Amino acid sequence: MDITTVNSMAYEEFMDIFGNVVEKCPLVTAAVWSQRPFLDFLHLESSIFEFIDSLSMSGKEGILRCHPDLAGRELISGTLTAESKREQQQSGLTHLRSEEH
């Protein structure tokens, strides 16, 4: 996929592809979509960072609250995203006993 394709995406398609860039916080992707056209993928990435940096402290805390609890309820219930499962495996959380969660 090239940046021209990204820039021509309808909102729904952009959200389908990039909506989980900030895990479980599609609001970031939605806000960044309106900043098209992007010059390149680095510009897209920096737009995401700039949006997050521009948030108030409570907005940034809100993003963190959206992030899944890798060793808590979502692990136990089996609702972690593929990204979180990879993070969990890389950090050794898959080897915790139930009382360690």
N, C-alpha and C. Protein backbone atom coordinates (compact mmCIF):
# COMPACT_ATOMS: atom_id res chain seq x y z
N MET A 1 0.85 -1.16 0.00
CA MET A 1 0.00 0.00 0.00
C MET A 1 0.90 1.23 0.00
N ASP A 2 0.53 2.21 -0.78
CA ASP A 2 1.31 3.45 -0.83
C ASP A 2 0.49 4.59 -0.20
N ILE A 3 1.13 5.71 -0.02
CA ILE A 3 0.49 6.84 0.68
C ILE A 3 -0.66 7.43 -0.14
N THR A 4 -0.59 7.33 -1.45
CA THR A 4 -1.69 7.81 -2.29
C THR A 4 -2.96 7.00 -2.00
N THR A 5 -2.80 5.71 -1.83
CA THR A 5 -3.93 4.84 -1.48
C THR A 5 -4.49 5.24 -0.11
N VAL A 6 -3.61 5.46 0.84
CA VAL A 6 -4.04 5.86 2.19
C VAL A 6 -4.81 7.18 2.12
N ASN A 7 -4.29 8.13 1.39
CA ASN A 7 -4.92 9.44 1.30
C ASN A 7 -6.29 9.39 0.62
N SER A 8 -6.51 8.41 -0.21
CA SER A 8 -7.79 8.32 -0.92
C SER A 8 -8.82 7.46 -0.19
N MET A 9 -8.45 6.91 0.95
CA MET A 9 -9.38 6.04 1.68
C MET A 9 -10.54 6.81 2.26
N ALA A 10 -11.71 6.19 2.18
CA ALA A 10 -12.87 6.71 2.89
C ALA A 10 -12.61 6.51 4.39
N TYR A 11 -13.33 7.25 5.18
CA TYR A 11 -13.17 7.19 6.64
C TYR A 11 -13.26 5.75 7.17
N GLU A 12 -14.27 5.02 6.73
CA GLU A 12 -14.50 3.67 7.23
C GLU A 12 -13.33 2.75 6.92
N GLU A 13 -12.79 2.85 5.71
CA GLU A 13 -11.66 2.01 5.33
C GLU A 13 -10.41 2.39 6.13
N PHE A 14 -10.18 3.68 6.28
CA PHE A 14 -9.04 4.16 7.07
C PHE A 14 -9.14 3.62 8.50
N MET A 15 -10.34 3.66 9.06
CA MET A 15 -10.54 3.17 10.43
C MET A 15 -10.34 1.66 10.51
N ASP A 16 -10.80 0.93 9.49
CA ASP A 16 -10.61 -0.52 9.49
C ASP A 16 -9.14 -0.88 9.50
N ILE A 17 -8.34 -0.13 8.77
CA ILE A 17 -6.92 -0.46 8.63
C ILE A 17 -6.09 0.10 9.78
N PHE A 18 -6.34 1.35 10.17
CA PHE A 18 -5.48 2.02 11.15
C PHE A 18 -6.15 2.24 12.51
N GLY A 19 -7.38 1.80 12.67
CA GLY A 19 -8.16 2.12 13.86
C GLY A 19 -7.59 1.62 15.17
N ASN A 20 -6.71 0.63 15.12
CA ASN A 20 -6.15 0.09 16.36
C ASN A 20 -4.66 0.43 16.50
N VAL A 21 -4.21 1.45 15.79
CA VAL A 21 -2.80 1.86 15.90
C VAL A 21 -2.49 2.22 17.35
N VAL A 22 -3.39 2.92 17.98
CA VAL A 22 -3.31 3.14 19.43
C VAL A 22 -4.36 2.19 19.99
N GLU A 23 -3.90 1.10 20.57
CA GLU A 23 -4.76 -0.01 20.90
C GLU A 23 -5.98 0.38 21.72
N LYS A 24 -7.13 -0.04 21.20
CA LYS A 24 -8.44 0.19 21.82
C LYS A 24 -8.76 1.67 21.99
N CYS A 25 -8.18 2.52 21.15
CA CYS A 25 -8.46 3.95 21.20
C CYS A 25 -8.59 4.49 19.77
N PRO A 26 -9.66 4.11 19.07
CA PRO A 26 -9.83 4.54 17.69
C PRO A 26 -10.04 6.04 17.53
N LEU A 27 -10.30 6.73 18.63
CA LEU A 27 -10.47 8.19 18.58
C LEU A 27 -9.24 8.86 17.98
N VAL A 28 -8.07 8.36 18.28
CA VAL A 28 -6.83 8.95 17.74
C VAL A 28 -6.83 8.82 16.22
N THR A 29 -7.12 7.63 15.73
CA THR A 29 -7.14 7.42 14.28
C THR A 29 -8.20 8.29 13.62
N ALA A 30 -9.35 8.39 14.24
CA ALA A 30 -10.43 9.21 13.68
C ALA A 30 -10.00 10.66 13.56
N ALA A 31 -9.32 11.17 14.56
CA ALA A 31 -8.87 12.56 14.54
C ALA A 31 -7.81 12.77 13.46
N VAL A 32 -6.93 11.81 13.30
CA VAL A 32 -5.83 11.94 12.34
C VAL A 32 -6.33 11.83 10.90
N TRP A 33 -7.38 11.07 10.67
CA TRP A 33 -7.92 10.92 9.31
C TRP A 33 -8.21 12.27 8.68
N SER A 34 -8.71 13.20 9.48
CA SER A 34 -9.09 14.51 8.94
C SER A 34 -7.88 15.36 8.55
N GLN A 35 -6.68 14.92 8.87
CA GLN A 35 -5.47 15.67 8.54
C GLN A 35 -4.88 15.28 7.19
N ARG A 36 -5.55 14.39 6.47
CA ARG A 36 -5.07 14.01 5.13
C ARG A 36 -5.03 15.24 4.23
N PRO A 37 -4.25 15.30 3.21
CA PRO A 37 -3.36 14.24 2.74
C PRO A 37 -2.03 14.22 3.49
N PHE A 38 -1.51 13.02 3.64
CA PHE A 38 -0.20 12.84 4.26
C PHE A 38 0.85 12.80 3.16
N LEU A 39 2.00 13.37 3.43
CA LEU A 39 3.08 13.39 2.44
C LEU A 39 3.69 12.01 2.25
N ASP A 40 3.77 11.26 3.36
CA ASP A 40 4.33 9.92 3.34
C ASP A 40 3.94 9.24 4.66
N PHE A 41 4.38 8.01 4.87
CA PHE A 41 4.00 7.29 6.08
C PHE A 41 4.62 7.91 7.33
N LEU A 42 5.77 8.50 7.19
CA LEU A 42 6.38 9.20 8.33
C LEU A 42 5.49 10.38 8.76
N HIS A 43 4.91 11.07 7.79
CA HIS A 43 4.00 12.18 8.10
C HIS A 43 2.75 11.66 8.81
N LEU A 44 2.23 10.52 8.38
CA LEU A 44 1.08 9.89 9.06
C LEU A 44 1.45 9.56 10.50
N GLU A 45 2.60 8.94 10.68
CA GLU A 45 3.05 8.58 12.02
C GLU A 45 3.23 9.82 12.90
N SER A 46 3.86 10.84 12.37
CA SER A 46 4.08 12.05 13.17
C SER A 46 2.76 12.74 13.48
N SER A 47 1.77 12.63 12.59
CA SER A 47 0.45 13.21 12.86
C SER A 47 -0.20 12.53 14.05
N ILE A 48 -0.01 11.22 14.17
CA ILE A 48 -0.54 10.48 15.32
C ILE A 48 0.14 10.96 16.60
N PHE A 49 1.47 11.03 16.57
CA PHE A 49 2.21 11.48 17.75
C PHE A 49 1.85 12.90 18.14
N GLU A 50 1.74 13.77 17.15
CA GLU A 50 1.41 15.17 17.43
C GLU A 50 0.02 15.31 18.03
N PHE A 51 -0.93 14.52 17.54
CA PHE A 51 -2.27 14.56 18.10
C PHE A 51 -2.23 14.15 19.58
N ILE A 52 -1.55 13.06 19.87
CA ILE A 52 -1.47 12.59 21.26
C ILE A 52 -0.76 13.63 22.12
N ASP A 53 0.35 14.18 21.61
CA ASP A 53 1.10 15.20 22.37
C ASP A 53 0.26 16.43 22.65
N SER A 54 -0.68 16.74 21.76
CA SER A 54 -1.49 17.95 21.94
C SER A 54 -2.61 17.78 22.96
N LEU A 55 -2.86 16.56 23.38
CA LEU A 55 -3.94 16.32 24.34
C LEU A 55 -3.57 16.85 25.72
N SER A 56 -4.58 17.17 26.47
CA SER A 56 -4.36 17.54 27.87
C SER A 56 -3.90 16.29 28.62
N MET A 57 -3.46 16.49 29.84
CA MET A 57 -3.02 15.35 30.65
C MET A 57 -4.16 14.36 30.84
N SER A 58 -5.37 14.85 31.05
CA SER A 58 -6.49 13.92 31.24
C SER A 58 -6.80 13.17 29.94
N GLY A 59 -6.59 13.81 28.79
CA GLY A 59 -6.77 13.11 27.52
C GLY A 59 -5.76 12.00 27.34
N LYS A 60 -4.52 12.26 27.72
CA LYS A 60 -3.47 11.23 27.63
C LYS A 60 -3.76 10.10 28.61
N GLU A 61 -4.24 10.45 29.80
CA GLU A 61 -4.61 9.42 30.78
C GLU A 61 -5.76 8.56 30.24
N GLY A 62 -6.66 9.19 29.51
CA GLY A 62 -7.77 8.46 28.91
C GLY A 62 -7.29 7.41 27.92
N ILE A 63 -6.29 7.76 27.13
CA ILE A 63 -5.71 6.79 26.20
C ILE A 63 -5.13 5.62 26.97
N LEU A 64 -4.42 5.91 28.04
CA LEU A 64 -3.83 4.83 28.83
C LEU A 64 -4.90 3.94 29.45
N ARG A 65 -6.01 4.53 29.86
CA ARG A 65 -7.10 3.74 30.44
C ARG A 65 -7.74 2.81 29.40
N CYS A 66 -7.67 3.18 28.14
CA CYS A 66 -8.21 2.33 27.08
C CYS A 66 -7.35 1.10 26.84
N HIS A 67 -6.07 1.22 27.14
CA HIS A 67 -5.15 0.12 26.86
C HIS A 67 -5.50 -1.08 27.72
N PRO A 68 -5.47 -2.27 27.14
CA PRO A 68 -5.87 -3.46 27.90
C PRO A 68 -4.91 -3.77 29.05
N ASP A 69 -5.47 -4.36 30.06
CA ASP A 69 -4.72 -4.85 31.21
C ASP A 69 -4.15 -6.20 30.83
N LEU A 70 -2.88 -6.25 30.50
CA LEU A 70 -2.28 -7.46 29.94
C LEU A 70 -2.27 -8.64 30.90
N ALA A 71 -2.36 -8.39 32.16
CA ALA A 71 -2.31 -9.50 33.11
C ALA A 71 -3.56 -9.55 33.98
N GLY A 72 -4.62 -8.94 33.53
CA GLY A 72 -5.82 -8.85 34.36
C GLY A 72 -7.04 -9.47 33.71
N ARG A 73 -8.15 -8.73 33.82
CA ARG A 73 -9.45 -9.24 33.38
C ARG A 73 -9.45 -9.70 31.93
N GLU A 74 -8.84 -8.92 31.06
CA GLU A 74 -8.89 -9.28 29.64
C GLU A 74 -8.08 -10.54 29.33
N LEU A 75 -7.01 -10.75 30.06
CA LEU A 75 -6.25 -11.99 29.90
C LEU A 75 -7.11 -13.17 30.34
N ILE A 76 -7.70 -13.05 31.51
CA ILE A 76 -8.49 -14.15 32.07
C ILE A 76 -9.72 -14.44 31.22
N SER A 77 -10.36 -13.39 30.72
CA SER A 77 -11.57 -13.59 29.92
C SER A 77 -11.28 -13.96 28.47
N GLY A 78 -10.01 -13.86 28.04
CA GLY A 78 -9.63 -14.21 26.68
C GLY A 78 -10.00 -13.16 25.65
N THR A 79 -10.10 -11.90 26.05
CA THR A 79 -10.51 -10.85 25.12
C THR A 79 -9.36 -9.95 24.67
N LEU A 80 -8.13 -10.36 24.90
CA LEU A 80 -6.99 -9.55 24.46
C LEU A 80 -6.92 -9.52 22.94
N THR A 81 -6.47 -8.41 22.39
CA THR A 81 -6.25 -8.31 20.95
C THR A 81 -5.00 -9.11 20.59
N ALA A 82 -4.83 -9.35 19.30
CA ALA A 82 -3.63 -10.06 18.83
C ALA A 82 -2.37 -9.31 19.24
N GLU A 83 -2.42 -7.98 19.18
CA GLU A 83 -1.26 -7.17 19.58
C GLU A 83 -0.93 -7.39 21.05
N SER A 84 -1.96 -7.40 21.89
CA SER A 84 -1.73 -7.59 23.32
C SER A 84 -1.23 -9.00 23.63
N LYS A 85 -1.74 -9.97 22.90
CA LYS A 85 -1.26 -11.35 23.11
C LYS A 85 0.23 -11.44 22.81
N ARG A 86 0.67 -10.77 21.73
CA ARG A 86 2.11 -10.77 21.40
C ARG A 86 2.91 -10.08 22.51
N GLU A 87 2.41 -8.93 22.97
CA GLU A 87 3.09 -8.22 24.06
C GLU A 87 3.18 -9.10 25.30
N GLN A 88 2.10 -9.77 25.59
CA GLN A 88 2.02 -10.64 26.76
C GLN A 88 3.04 -11.77 26.66
N GLN A 89 3.13 -12.39 25.50
CA GLN A 89 4.09 -13.47 25.32
C GLN A 89 5.52 -12.96 25.43
N GLN A 90 5.79 -11.81 24.82
CA GLN A 90 7.15 -11.25 24.85
C GLN A 90 7.58 -10.87 26.26
N SER A 91 6.63 -10.48 27.10
CA SER A 91 6.98 -10.05 28.45
C SER A 91 6.94 -11.19 29.47
N GLY A 92 6.56 -12.38 29.03
CA GLY A 92 6.52 -13.53 29.93
C GLY A 92 5.24 -13.64 30.75
N LEU A 93 4.25 -12.83 30.45
CA LEU A 93 3.01 -12.86 31.24
C LEU A 93 2.21 -14.13 31.00
N THR A 94 2.51 -14.85 29.94
CA THR A 94 1.77 -16.09 29.68
C THR A 94 2.16 -17.19 30.65
N HIS A 95 3.22 -16.96 31.40
CA HIS A 95 3.69 -17.98 32.33
C HIS A 95 3.26 -17.71 33.77
N LEU A 96 2.44 -16.70 33.99
CA LEU A 96 1.97 -16.37 35.34
C LEU A 96 0.95 -17.40 35.81
N ARG A 97 1.00 -17.70 37.10
CA ARG A 97 -0.05 -18.52 37.70
C ARG A 97 -1.25 -17.64 37.97
N SER A 98 -2.42 -18.19 38.10
CA SER A 98 -3.65 -17.39 38.24
C SER A 98 -3.57 -16.44 39.44
N GLU A 99 -2.93 -16.83 40.52
CA GLU A 99 -2.84 -15.93 41.68
C GLU A 99 -1.87 -14.76 41.45
N GLU A 100 -1.08 -14.83 40.40
CA GLU A 100 -0.14 -13.76 40.08
C GLU A 100 -0.76 -12.68 39.19
N HIS A 101 -1.96 -12.91 38.67
CA HIS A 101 -2.61 -11.95 37.78
C HIS A 101 -3.11 -10.77 38.56
